[in-house]
């Protein structure tokens, strides 16, 4: 069984603000994996551990999103599940809305 868990790196909830252009301000903020994404990775890893298989953690974002992938991959490694990460990163995707991100992934 091959399971994909798609994750998003976001600013810590307490620090979220929107800039004048309506986009989320990310500069100078501590970033973390979304709590919903943590649940998705945990469920993917648990399913792969129970039924056999691999987990691929995917995200689209800047190079700093690699930290989020490492967190997801580490969860699988801790449970003995073959887990890998894929980062889709290109300046062309900057400011993508949810539909553009979903299509890219």
PDB file of N, CA and C in Angstrom:
ATOM      1  N   UNK A   1       0.858  -1.170   0.000  1.00  0.00           N
ATOM      2  CA  UNK A   1       0.000   0.000   0.000  1.00  0.00           C
ATOM      3  C   UNK A   1       0.906   1.236   0.000  1.00  0.00           C
ATOM      4  N   UNK A   2       0.615   2.184  -0.876  1.00  0.00           N
ATOM      5  CA  UNK A   2       1.346   3.452  -0.927  1.00  0.00           C
ATOM      6  C   UNK A   2       0.390   4.575  -0.528  1.00  0.00           C
ATOM      7  N   UNK A   3       0.779   5.322   0.495  1.00  0.00           N
ATOM      8  CA  UNK A   3      -0.074   6.374   1.040  1.00  0.00           C
ATOM      9  C   UNK A   3       0.625   7.716   0.863  1.00  0.00           C
ATOM     10  N   UNK A   4      -0.115   8.702   0.391  1.00  0.00           N
ATOM     11  CA  UNK A   4       0.397  10.064   0.269  1.00  0.00           C
ATOM     12  C   UNK A   4      -0.262  10.941   1.330  1.00  0.00           C
ATOM     13  N   UNK A   5       0.552  11.701   2.030  1.00  0.00           N
ATOM     14  CA  UNK A   5       0.050  12.673   3.002  1.00  0.00           C
ATOM     15  C   UNK A   5       0.521  14.046   2.539  1.00  0.00           C
ATOM     16  N   UNK A   6      -0.424  14.914   2.208  1.00  0.00           N
ATOM     17  CA  UNK A   6      -0.086  16.246   1.734  1.00  0.00           C
ATOM     18  C   UNK A   6      -0.126  17.198   2.920  1.00  0.00           C
ATOM     19  N   UNK A   7       0.968  17.949   3.113  1.00  0.00           N
ATOM     20  CA  UNK A   7       1.090  18.810   4.291  1.00  0.00           C
ATOM     21  C   UNK A   7       1.354  20.252   3.884  1.00  0.00           C
ATOM     22  N   UNK A   8       1.114  21.154   4.824  1.00  0.00           N
ATOM     23  CA  UNK A   8       1.304  22.582   4.599  1.00  0.00           C
ATOM     24  C   UNK A   8       2.045  23.186   5.775  1.00  0.00           C
ATOM     25  N   UNK A   9       3.035  24.007   5.465  1.00  0.00           N
ATOM     26  CA  UNK A   9       3.759  24.734   6.493  1.00  0.00           C
ATOM     27  C   UNK A   9       3.096  26.098   6.660  1.00  0.00           C
ATOM     28  N   UNK A  10       2.764  26.435   7.899  1.00  0.00           N
ATOM     29  CA  UNK A  10       2.065  27.695   8.169  1.00  0.00           C
ATOM     30  C   UNK A  10       2.740  28.422   9.335  1.00  0.00           C
ATOM     31  N   UNK A  11       2.513  29.729   9.450  1.00  0.00           N
ATOM     32  CA  UNK A  11       3.007  30.439  10.642  1.00  0.00           C
ATOM     33  C   UNK A  11       2.271  29.933  11.880  1.00  0.00           C
ATOM     34  N   UNK A  12       2.959  29.985  13.014  1.00  0.00           N
ATOM     35  CA  UNK A  12       2.307  29.631  14.274  1.00  0.00           C
ATOM     36  C   UNK A  12       1.021  30.446  14.382  1.00  0.00           C
ATOM     37  N   UNK A  13      -0.068  29.815  14.764  1.00  0.00           N
ATOM     38  CA  UNK A  13      -1.401  30.433  14.738  1.00  0.00           C
ATOM     39  C   UNK A  13      -1.441  31.792  15.424  1.00  0.00           C
ATOM     40  N   UNK A  14      -0.775  31.917  16.547  1.00  0.00           N
ATOM     41  CA  UNK A  14      -0.824  33.166  17.303  1.00  0.00           C
ATOM     42  C   UNK A  14      -0.209  34.326  16.532  1.00  0.00           C
ATOM     43  N   UNK A  15       0.639  34.019  15.558  1.00  0.00           N
ATOM     44  CA  UNK A  15       1.379  35.061  14.853  1.00  0.00           C
ATOM     45  C   UNK A  15       0.823  35.373  13.468  1.00  0.00           C
ATOM     46  N   UNK A  16      -0.273  34.756  13.047  1.00  0.00           N
ATOM     47  CA  UNK A  16      -0.779  34.943  11.692  1.00  0.00           C
ATOM     48  C   UNK A  16      -1.343  36.346  11.484  1.00  0.00           C
ATOM     49  N   UNK A  17      -0.894  36.994  10.398  1.00  0.00           N
ATOM     50  CA  UNK A  17      -1.428  38.284   9.981  1.00  0.00           C
ATOM     51  C   UNK A  17      -1.448  38.332   8.461  1.00  0.00           C
ATOM     52  N   UNK A  18      -2.315  39.183   7.928  1.00  0.00           N
ATOM     53  CA  UNK A  18      -2.385  39.380   6.486  1.00  0.00           C
ATOM     54  C   UNK A  18      -1.721  40.703   6.132  1.00  0.00           C
ATOM     55  N   UNK A  19      -0.988  40.695   5.008  1.00  0.00           N
ATOM     56  CA  UNK A  19      -0.349  41.909   4.524  1.00  0.00           C
ATOM     57  C   UNK A  19      -1.344  42.767   3.762  1.00  0.00           C
ATOM     58  N   UNK A  20      -0.909  43.929   3.287  1.00  0.00           N
ATOM     59  CA  UNK A  20      -1.804  44.833   2.549  1.00  0.00           C
ATOM     60  C   UNK A  20      -2.332  44.227   1.249  1.00  0.00           C
ATOM     61  N   UNK A  21      -1.621  43.232   0.722  1.00  0.00           N
ATOM     62  CA  UNK A  21      -2.075  42.580  -0.519  1.00  0.00           C
ATOM     63  C   UNK A  21      -3.032  41.424  -0.242  1.00  0.00           C
ATOM     64  N   UNK A  22      -3.352  41.183   1.032  1.00  0.00           N
ATOM     65  CA  UNK A  22      -4.275  40.111   1.394  1.00  0.00           C
ATOM     66  C   UNK A  22      -3.613  38.755   1.550  1.00  0.00           C
ATOM     67  N   UNK A  23      -2.303  38.688   1.370  1.00  0.00           N
ATOM     68  CA  UNK A  23      -1.585  37.421   1.515  1.00  0.00           C
ATOM     69  C   UNK A  23      -1.055  37.273   2.933  1.00  0.00           C
ATOM     70  N   UNK A  24      -0.899  36.027   3.330  1.00  0.00           N
ATOM     71  CA  UNK A  24      -0.371  35.714   4.652  1.00  0.00           C
ATOM     72  C   UNK A  24       1.076  36.196   4.755  1.00  0.00           C
ATOM     73  N   UNK A  25       1.399  36.938   5.812  1.00  0.00           N
ATOM     74  CA  UNK A  25       2.765  37.413   6.042  1.00  0.00           C
ATOM     75  C   UNK A  25       3.556  36.279   6.669  1.00  0.00           C
ATOM     76  N   UNK A  26       4.668  35.892   6.031  1.00  0.00           N
ATOM     77  CA  UNK A  26       5.482  34.778   6.507  1.00  0.00           C
ATOM     78  C   UNK A  26       6.861  35.223   6.986  1.00  0.00           C
ATOM     79  N   UNK A  27       7.321  36.372   6.541  1.00  0.00           N
ATOM     80  CA  UNK A  27       8.662  36.833   6.870  1.00  0.00           C
ATOM     81  C   UNK A  27       8.820  37.061   8.366  1.00  0.00           C
ATOM     82  N   UNK A  28       9.901  36.522   8.912  1.00  0.00           N
ATOM     83  CA  UNK A  28      10.209  36.739  10.312  1.00  0.00           C
ATOM     84  C   UNK A  28       9.358  35.957  11.294  1.00  0.00           C
ATOM     85  N   UNK A  29       8.534  35.017  10.806  1.00  0.00           N
ATOM     86  CA  UNK A  29       7.675  34.247  11.700  1.00  0.00           C
ATOM     87  C   UNK A  29       8.163  32.810  11.825  1.00  0.00           C
ATOM     88  N   UNK A  30       7.902  32.232  12.969  1.00  0.00           N
ATOM     89  CA  UNK A  30       8.195  30.813  13.161  1.00  0.00           C
ATOM     90  C   UNK A  30       7.137  30.010  12.409  1.00  0.00           C
ATOM     91  N   UNK A  31       7.593  29.062  11.598  1.00  0.00           N
ATOM     92  CA  UNK A  31       6.680  28.247  10.800  1.00  0.00           C
ATOM     93  C   UNK A  31       6.588  26.845  11.376  1.00  0.00           C
ATOM     94  N   UNK A  32       5.433  26.210  11.185  1.00  0.00           N
ATOM     95  CA  UNK A  32       5.214  24.865  11.696  1.00  0.00           C
ATOM     96  C   UNK A  32       4.258  24.115  10.771  1.00  0.00           C
ATOM     97  N   UNK A  33       4.183  22.808  10.950  1.00  0.00           N
ATOM     98  CA  UNK A  33       3.224  22.013  10.192  1.00  0.00           C
ATOM     99  C   UNK A  33       1.830  22.268  10.756  1.00  0.00           C
ATOM    100  N   UNK A  34       0.874  22.425   9.869  1.00  0.00           N
ATOM    101  CA  UNK A  34      -0.510  22.614  10.278  1.00  0.00           C
ATOM    102  C   UNK A  34      -0.957  21.451  11.171  1.00  0.00           C
ATOM    103  N   UNK A  35      -1.763  21.738  12.170  1.00  0.00           N
ATOM    104  CA  UNK A  35      -2.259  20.688  13.067  1.00  0.00           C
ATOM    105  C   UNK A  35      -3.070  19.643  12.299  1.00  0.00           C
ATOM    106  N   UNK A  36      -3.822  20.068  11.296  1.00  0.00           N
ATOM    107  CA  UNK A  36      -4.594  19.119  10.490  1.00  0.00           C
ATOM    108  C   UNK A  36      -3.662  18.202   9.706  1.00  0.00           C
ATOM    109  N   UNK A  37      -2.564  18.758   9.236  1.00  0.00           N
ATOM    110  CA  UNK A  37      -1.593  17.967   8.494  1.00  0.00           C
ATOM    111  C   UNK A  37      -0.894  16.966   9.411  1.00  0.00           C
ATOM    112  N   UNK A  38      -0.651  17.370  10.648  1.00  0.00           N
ATOM    113  CA  UNK A  38      -0.051  16.437  11.604  1.00  0.00           C
ATOM    114  C   UNK A  38      -0.954  15.217  11.784  1.00  0.00           C
ATOM    115  N   UNK A  39      -2.252  15.459  11.878  1.00  0.00           N
ATOM    116  CA  UNK A  39      -3.196  14.344  12.004  1.00  0.00           C
ATOM    117  C   UNK A  39      -3.151  13.448  10.775  1.00  0.00           C
ATOM    118  N   UNK A  40      -3.065  14.069   9.591  1.00  0.00           N
ATOM    119  CA  UNK A  40      -3.021  13.293   8.346  1.00  0.00           C
ATOM    120  C   UNK A  40      -1.776  12.416   8.298  1.00  0.00           C
ATOM    121  N   UNK A  41      -0.637  12.970   8.675  1.00  0.00           N
ATOM    122  CA  UNK A  41       0.606  12.193   8.670  1.00  0.00           C
ATOM    123  C   UNK A  41       0.523  11.078   9.707  1.00  0.00           C
ATOM    124  N   UNK A  42       0.020  11.388  10.888  1.00  0.00           N
ATOM    125  CA  UNK A  42      -0.107  10.368  11.929  1.00  0.00           C
ATOM    126  C   UNK A  42      -0.997   9.224  11.471  1.00  0.00           C
ATOM    127  N   UNK A  43      -2.109   9.534  10.824  1.00  0.00           N
ATOM    128  CA  UNK A  43      -3.019   8.497  10.344  1.00  0.00           C
ATOM    129  C   UNK A  43      -2.389   7.690   9.214  1.00  0.00           C
ATOM    130  N   UNK A  44      -1.684   8.362   8.316  1.00  0.00           N
ATOM    131  CA  UNK A  44      -1.010   7.669   7.215  1.00  0.00           C
ATOM    132  C   UNK A  44       0.037   6.703   7.747  1.00  0.00           C
ATOM    133  N   UNK A  45       0.823   7.154   8.707  1.00  0.00           N
ATOM    134  CA  UNK A  45       1.863   6.309   9.291  1.00  0.00           C
ATOM    135  C   UNK A  45       1.238   5.135  10.040  1.00  0.00           C
ATOM    136  N   UNK A  46       0.176   5.389  10.797  1.00  0.00           N
ATOM    137  CA  UNK A  46      -0.489   4.308  11.535  1.00  0.00           C
ATOM    138  C   UNK A  46      -1.067   3.272  10.580  1.00  0.00           C
ATOM    139  N   UNK A  47      -1.683   3.718   9.494  1.00  0.00           N
ATOM    140  CA  UNK A  47      -2.252   2.792   8.509  1.00  0.00           C
ATOM    141  C   UNK A  47      -1.167   1.969   7.855  1.00  0.00           C
ATOM    142  N   UNK A  48      -0.063   2.610   7.475  1.00  0.00           N
ATOM    143  CA  UNK A  48       1.050   1.881   6.857  1.00  0.00           C
ATOM    144  C   UNK A  48       1.683   0.902   7.840  1.00  0.00           C
ATOM    145  N   UNK A  49       1.768   1.279   9.108  1.00  0.00           N
ATOM    146  CA  UNK A  49       2.341   0.387  10.113  1.00  0.00           C
ATOM    147  C   UNK A  49       1.440  -0.829  10.344  1.00  0.00           C
ATOM    148  N   UNK A  50       0.128  -0.609  10.337  1.00  0.00           N
ATOM    149  CA  UNK A  50      -0.817  -1.693  10.599  1.00  0.00           C
ATOM    150  C   UNK A  50      -0.999  -2.637   9.412  1.00  0.00           C
ATOM    151  N   UNK A  51      -0.953  -2.083   8.205  1.00  0.00           N
ATOM    152  CA  UNK A  51      -1.280  -2.874   7.024  1.00  0.00           C
ATOM    153  C   UNK A  51      -0.112  -3.059   6.061  1.00  0.00           C
ATOM    154  N   UNK A  52       1.027  -2.500   6.396  1.00  0.00           N
ATOM    155  CA  UNK A  52       2.182  -2.580   5.509  1.00  0.00           C
ATOM    156  C   UNK A  52       2.091  -1.521   4.434  1.00  0.00           C
ATOM    157  N   UNK A  53       3.222  -1.028   4.012  1.00  0.00           N
ATOM    158  CA  UNK A  53       3.224  -0.039   2.955  1.00  0.00           C
ATOM    159  C   UNK A  53       4.186   1.089   3.232  1.00  0.00           C
ATOM    160  N   UNK A  54       4.129   2.092   2.367  1.00  0.00           N
ATOM    161  CA  UNK A  54       5.005   3.251   2.469  1.00  0.00           C
ATOM    162  C   UNK A  54       4.170   4.518   2.553  1.00  0.00           C
ATOM    163  N   UNK A  55       4.801   5.566   3.095  1.00  0.00           N
ATOM    164  CA  UNK A  55       4.151   6.872   3.189  1.00  0.00           C
ATOM    165  C   UNK A  55       5.051   7.887   2.489  1.00  0.00           C
ATOM    166  N   UNK A  56       4.449   8.688   1.628  1.00  0.00           N
ATOM    167  CA  UNK A  56       5.149   9.802   0.995  1.00  0.00           C
ATOM    168  C   UNK A  56       4.486  11.082   1.470  1.00  0.00           C
ATOM    169  N   UNK A  57       5.287  11.943   2.083  1.00  0.00           N
ATOM    170  CA  UNK A  57       4.806  13.230   2.581  1.00  0.00           C
ATOM    171  C   UNK A  57       5.142  14.272   1.512  1.00  0.00           C
ATOM    172  N   UNK A  58       4.120  14.994   1.028  1.00  0.00           N
ATOM    173  CA  UNK A  58       4.294  15.978  -0.042  1.00  0.00           C
ATOM    174  C   UNK A  58       3.931  17.371   0.430  1.00  0.00           C
ATOM    175  N   UNK A  59       4.672  18.369  -0.061  1.00  0.00           N
ATOM    176  CA  UNK A  59       4.294  19.756   0.186  1.00  0.00           C
ATOM    177  C   UNK A  59       4.770  20.630  -0.949  1.00  0.00           C
ATOM    178  N   UNK A  60       4.111  21.758  -1.112  1.00  0.00           N
ATOM    179  CA  UNK A  60       4.511  22.776  -2.068  1.00  0.00           C
ATOM    180  C   UNK A  60       4.811  24.023  -1.268  1.00  0.00           C
ATOM    181  N   UNK A  61       5.994  24.588  -1.462  1.00  0.00           N
ATOM    182  CA  UNK A  61       6.351  25.785  -0.727  1.00  0.00           C
ATOM    183  C   UNK A  61       7.786  26.174  -0.949  1.00  0.00           C
ATOM    184  N   UNK A  62       8.258  27.150  -0.197  1.00  0.00           N
ATOM    185  CA  UNK A  62       9.645  27.593  -0.313  1.00  0.00           C
ATOM    186  C   UNK A  62      10.590  26.535   0.271  1.00  0.00           C
ATOM    187  N   UNK A  63      11.890  26.692   0.030  1.00  0.00           N
ATOM    188  CA  UNK A  63      12.850  25.712   0.567  1.00  0.00           C
ATOM    189  C   UNK A  63      12.742  25.487   2.075  1.00  0.00           C
ATOM    190  N   UNK A  64      12.263  26.479   2.817  1.00  0.00           N
ATOM    191  CA  UNK A  64      12.125  26.312   4.271  1.00  0.00           C
ATOM    192  C   UNK A  64      11.072  25.259   4.635  1.00  0.00           C
ATOM    193  N   UNK A  65      10.211  24.901   3.693  1.00  0.00           N
ATOM    194  CA  UNK A  65       9.194  23.876   3.955  1.00  0.00           C
ATOM    195  C   UNK A  65       9.825  22.501   4.145  1.00  0.00           C
ATOM    196  N   UNK A  66      11.103  22.383   3.846  1.00  0.00           N
ATOM    197  CA  UNK A  66      11.804  21.113   4.051  1.00  0.00           C
ATOM    198  C   UNK A  66      11.745  20.688   5.516  1.00  0.00           C
ATOM    199  N   UNK A  67      11.737  21.648   6.426  1.00  0.00           N
ATOM    200  CA  UNK A  67      11.629  21.323   7.853  1.00  0.00           C
ATOM    201  C   UNK A  67      10.340  20.561   8.146  1.00  0.00           C
ATOM    202  N   UNK A  68       9.255  20.974   7.522  1.00  0.00           N
ATOM    203  CA  UNK A  68       7.969  20.304   7.706  1.00  0.00           C
ATOM    204  C   UNK A  68       8.026  18.879   7.167  1.00  0.00           C
ATOM    205  N   UNK A  69       8.660  18.704   6.020  1.00  0.00           N
ATOM    206  CA  UNK A  69       8.809  17.348   5.466  1.00  0.00           C
ATOM    207  C   UNK A  69       9.628  16.468   6.388  1.00  0.00           C
ATOM    208  N   UNK A  70      10.701  17.019   6.913  1.00  0.00           N
ATOM    209  CA  UNK A  70      11.558  16.228   7.825  1.00  0.00           C
ATOM    210  C   UNK A  70      10.761  15.750   9.047  1.00  0.00           C
ATOM    211  N   UNK A  71       9.887  16.610   9.552  1.00  0.00           N
ATOM    212  CA  UNK A  71       9.048  16.229  10.692  1.00  0.00           C
ATOM    213  C   UNK A  71       8.146  15.047  10.311  1.00  0.00           C
ATOM    214  N   UNK A  72       7.501  15.133   9.163  1.00  0.00           N
ATOM    215  CA  UNK A  72       6.623  14.049   8.721  1.00  0.00           C
ATOM    216  C   UNK A  72       7.376  12.752   8.479  1.00  0.00           C
ATOM    217  N   UNK A  73       8.537  12.835   7.854  1.00  0.00           N
ATOM    218  CA  UNK A  73       9.346  11.642   7.586  1.00  0.00           C
ATOM    219  C   UNK A  73       9.821  11.024   8.898  1.00  0.00           C
ATOM    220  N   UNK A  74      10.180  11.860   9.851  1.00  0.00           N
ATOM    221  CA  UNK A  74      10.638  11.355  11.151  1.00  0.00           C
ATOM    222  C   UNK A  74       9.552  10.552  11.854  1.00  0.00           C
ATOM    223  N   UNK A  75       8.290  10.966  11.745  1.00  0.00           N
ATOM    224  CA  UNK A  75       7.199  10.218  12.376  1.00  0.00           C
ATOM    225  C   UNK A  75       7.130   8.808  11.826  1.00  0.00           C
ATOM    226  N   UNK A  76       7.284   8.675  10.523  1.00  0.00           N
ATOM    227  CA  UNK A  76       7.242   7.345   9.928  1.00  0.00           C
ATOM    228  C   UNK A  76       8.428   6.503  10.341  1.00  0.00           C
ATOM    229  N   UNK A  77       9.603   7.126  10.376  1.00  0.00           N
ATOM    230  CA  UNK A  77      10.818   6.412  10.759  1.00  0.00           C
ATOM    231  C   UNK A  77      10.703   5.898  12.189  1.00  0.00           C
ATOM    232  N   UNK A  78      10.126   6.719  13.068  1.00  0.00           N
ATOM    233  CA  UNK A  78       9.947   6.313  14.466  1.00  0.00           C
ATOM    234  C   UNK A  78       9.079   5.065  14.591  1.00  0.00           C
ATOM    235  N   UNK A  79       8.133   4.877  13.671  1.00  0.00           N
ATOM    236  CA  UNK A  79       7.234   3.713  13.711  1.00  0.00           C
ATOM    237  C   UNK A  79       7.727   2.568  12.826  1.00  0.00           C
ATOM    238  N   UNK A  80       8.899   2.708  12.219  1.00  0.00           N
ATOM    239  CA  UNK A  80       9.431   1.655  11.368  1.00  0.00           C
ATOM    240  C   UNK A  80       8.771   1.581  10.003  1.00  0.00           C
ATOM    241  N   UNK A  81       8.187   2.684   9.551  1.00  0.00           N
ATOM    242  CA  UNK A  81       7.502   2.734   8.251  1.00  0.00           C
ATOM    243  C   UNK A  81       8.424   3.410   7.247  1.00  0.00           C
ATOM    244  N   UNK A  82       8.514   2.836   6.049  1.00  0.00           N
ATOM    245  CA  UNK A  82       9.295   3.448   4.976  1.00  0.00           C
ATOM    246  C   UNK A  82       8.593   4.745   4.577  1.00  0.00           C
ATOM    247  N   UNK A  83       9.215   5.881   4.918  1.00  0.00           N
ATOM    248  CA  UNK A  83       8.605   7.184   4.694  1.00  0.00           C
ATOM    249  C   UNK A  83       9.582   8.079   3.954  1.00  0.00           C
ATOM    250  N   UNK A  84       9.066   8.809   2.965  1.00  0.00           N
ATOM    251  CA  UNK A  84       9.894   9.750   2.216  1.00  0.00           C
ATOM    252  C   UNK A  84       9.155  11.060   2.058  1.00  0.00           C
ATOM    253  N   UNK A  85       9.905  12.083   1.685  1.00  0.00           N
ATOM    254  CA  UNK A  85       9.311  13.403   1.510  1.00  0.00           C
ATOM    255  C   UNK A  85       9.585  13.966   0.127  1.00  0.00           C
ATOM    256  N   UNK A  86       8.633  14.741  -0.381  1.00  0.00           N
ATOM    257  CA  UNK A  86       8.768  15.403  -1.678  1.00  0.00           C
ATOM    258  C   UNK A  86       8.391  16.873  -1.505  1.00  0.00           C
ATOM    259  N   UNK A  87       9.338  17.753  -1.871  1.00  0.00           N
ATOM    260  CA  UNK A  87       9.103  19.189  -1.807  1.00  0.00           C
ATOM    261  C   UNK A  87       9.017  19.731  -3.226  1.00  0.00           C
ATOM    262  N   UNK A  88       7.884  20.342  -3.560  1.00  0.00           N
ATOM    263  CA  UNK A  88       7.712  21.022  -4.840  1.00  0.00           C
ATOM    264  C   UNK A  88       7.942  22.497  -4.553  1.00  0.00           C
ATOM    265  N   UNK A  89       9.025  23.052  -5.115  1.00  0.00           N
ATOM    266  CA  UNK A  89       9.395  24.421  -4.806  1.00  0.00           C
ATOM    267  C   UNK A  89       9.855  25.130  -6.071  1.00  0.00           C
ATOM    268  N   UNK A  90       9.193  26.226  -6.392  1.00  0.00           N
ATOM    269  CA  UNK A  90       9.549  27.022  -7.561  1.00  0.00           C
ATOM    270  C   UNK A  90       8.964  28.412  -7.357  1.00  0.00           C
ATOM    271  N   UNK A  91       9.720  29.455  -7.670  1.00  0.00           N
ATOM    272  CA  UNK A  91       9.184  30.810  -7.523  1.00  0.00           C
ATOM    273  C   UNK A  91       7.884  31.026  -8.311  1.00  0.00           C
ATOM    274  N   UNK A  92       7.662  30.251  -9.350  1.00  0.00           N
ATOM    275  CA  UNK A  92       6.435  30.388 -10.140  1.00  0.00           C
ATOM    276  C   UNK A  92       5.185  30.076  -9.310  1.00  0.00           C
ATOM    277  N   UNK A  93       5.333  29.322  -8.221  1.00  0.00           N
ATOM    278  CA  UNK A  93       4.194  28.954  -7.386  1.00  0.00           C
ATOM    279  C   UNK A  93       3.941  29.957  -6.260  1.00  0.00           C
ATOM    280  N   UNK A  94       4.785  30.986  -6.129  1.00  0.00           N
ATOM    281  CA  UNK A  94       4.635  31.960  -5.040  1.00  0.00           C
ATOM    282  C   UNK A  94       3.247  32.596  -5.087  1.00  0.00           C
ATOM    283  N   UNK A  95       2.575  32.598  -3.957  1.00  0.00           N
ATOM    284  CA  UNK A  95       1.253  33.213  -3.860  1.00  0.00           C
ATOM    285  C   UNK A  95       0.135  32.381  -4.451  1.00  0.00           C
ATOM    286  N   UNK A  96       0.406  31.107  -4.751  1.00  0.00           N
ATOM    287  CA  UNK A  96      -0.633  30.248  -5.334  1.00  0.00           C
ATOM    288  C   UNK A  96      -1.808  30.098  -4.382  1.00  0.00           C
ATOM    289  N   UNK A  97      -3.011  30.073  -4.950  1.00  0.00           N
ATOM    290  CA  UNK A  97      -4.185  29.811  -4.141  1.00  0.00           C
ATOM    291  C   UNK A  97      -4.329  28.292  -3.955  1.00  0.00           C
ATOM    292  N   UNK A  98      -5.348  27.886  -3.252  1.00  0.00           N
ATOM    293  CA  UNK A  98      -5.500  26.461  -2.939  1.00  0.00           C
ATOM    294  C   UNK A  98      -5.722  25.606  -4.180  1.00  0.00           C
ATOM    295  N   UNK A  99      -6.432  26.115  -5.166  1.00  0.00           N
ATOM    296  CA  UNK A  99      -6.667  25.348  -6.383  1.00  0.00           C
ATOM    297  C   UNK A  99      -5.373  25.142  -7.166  1.00  0.00           C
ATOM    298  N   UNK A 100      -4.577  26.186  -7.314  1.00  0.00           N
ATOM    299  CA  UNK A 100      -3.306  26.067  -8.031  1.00  0.00           C
ATOM    300  C   UNK A 100      -2.361  25.116  -7.295  1.00  0.00           C
ATOM    301  N   UNK A 101      -2.350  25.190  -5.984  1.00  0.00           N
ATOM    302  CA  UNK A 101      -1.499  24.293  -5.190  1.00  0.00           C
ATOM    303  C   UNK A 101      -1.943  22.848  -5.360  1.00  0.00           C
ATOM    304  N   UNK A 102      -3.238  22.609  -5.284  1.00  0.00           N
ATOM    305  CA  UNK A 102      -3.763  21.248  -5.438  1.00  0.00           C
ATOM    306  C   UNK A 102      -3.427  20.694  -6.814  1.00  0.00           C
ATOM    307  N   UNK A 103      -3.545  21.511  -7.839  1.00  0.00           N
ATOM    308  CA  UNK A 103      -3.232  21.037  -9.188  1.00  0.00           C
ATOM    309  C   UNK A 103      -1.744  20.715  -9.325  1.00  0.00           C
ATOM    310  N   UNK A 104      -0.898  21.534  -8.726  1.00  0.00           N
ATOM    311  CA  UNK A 104       0.541  21.296  -8.808  1.00  0.00           C
ATOM    312  C   UNK A 104       0.942  20.017  -8.094  1.00  0.00           C
ATOM    313  N   UNK A 105       0.319  19.771  -6.940  1.00  0.00           N
ATOM    314  CA  UNK A 105       0.660  18.556  -6.197  1.00  0.00           C
ATOM    315  C   UNK A 105       0.025  17.340  -6.844  1.00  0.00           C
TER     316      UNK A 105
END
